Amino acid sequence: MVFKKTFFFIRKNKAVSIIIIILICALSYYLYIHRKPFTQNAFVVANVHPVTSFISGYVTHIYVKNNTPIKKGEKILTVYKRPYELQVLVLQKKLEAAKYFIESLKYDTKAALNEIKVIEAKLENAIYLAKQAAELYKTRAVSQQHAEERQQAQDSFTASLEKAKSRYISDEAEIARETAEVESLKAQIEKAQVELALTTVYAQSDGMVTNMYLTTGSFVAAGSPLFAFINNKTWWIQANFKETELSEIRKGQKAKIWMWQYPGKIYYGIVENTDWGVERRFTSDTTGVSIVNKENEWFLLPQRFPVQIKILNPDPKYPLHLGASAFVEIQTNAYPVRQFFWQLFQI
């Protein structure tokens, strides 16, 4: 009886029946594709860094072409070397001069030391003669003038000895200063050699350069980004999942990935981590007061969180492109019916 009533209702209300059937099919399809965490909000990511020159100068050689694979250790570009070669040469000559000067100081120091020994011997003799003259003067065996001359000779040798010792100490200090200068010059030479080596920029890993619009003769400033380098050894997908599906996603779960670029091609991946948060706070630049965006009062959209997925089977026949769009499905139950009713009754 129920079947007959349903059949007659469908015959009388074909339009309504078709709409109901379409809605049922659409709901079934939605529940089917969302039986596992699924998102179309995903894209390819990789390790990327800007190619920069650590020194300034104009480019003399470019060894790579835009969007062409290169290997680790290959040359990318060279900056004009000659000023840095001359800097190394100048410092090396200064180092040689400093070493010769130290040798000269050592000779002077040796001479001063010998002079000290000679004066010390003469002073010792002068002290003896002065004492002898003083004793003889007491007995009137010598004149007062003779005794004073001996004492003056002693004082003269004492002064000469102090002068010689001061010169020796000064020479020793000068040697120490020049020795420190030599070490400083060695460090400067090493730094200059590093800068000379940095005139050539090398690839730090396998990958490719992109967005390179640079020609020889262009001046580059140290540290300024010139173009991008993409490390194509490892690829990831950043899949932005709704927070309603995030509760079931765990590190180590397997994933299927479809690229918009390659219809029918399936990549496989593994969840590496889930970001702990996204920024939702906004502050006025003029007042510093928090800005609260207006929300749709009928229903709120769930927040999305990035999930990092490592691609396990990159295929050279299907090269990946940084930022390319993708679909991602995580191999775990998403409980779409539960989430539907949870959202429904929270309104």
Foldseek 3Di string as FASTA:
>chain_A
DVVVVVVVVCVVCVVVVVVVVVVVVVVVVVCVVQQFFKDQQKFKAFDKDFDFFQAWAFWADADDDAPDWDFFFAWGTFGDQVVLVVQLVVLVVVLVVLVVVLVVLVVVLVVLVVVLVVLVVVLVVLVVLLVVVVVCVVVVNDDPVSNVVSVVSNVVSVVVNVVSVVSNVVSVVVSVVSVVVSVVSVVVSVVSVVSSVSSIDTHRGIWGWHPADDDGRHIHHRPDGRTMTGHQPWMKMWGWTFPLQVVWDDFFFKKWKFFPVDPPDIWIWTWHDWDPDDDDWDADPVPRHTDDDDADPVAGGGGITIIIIITDDDDPVDDGDGGTTMMMGTPDGRPVVVSVVVRVVVD
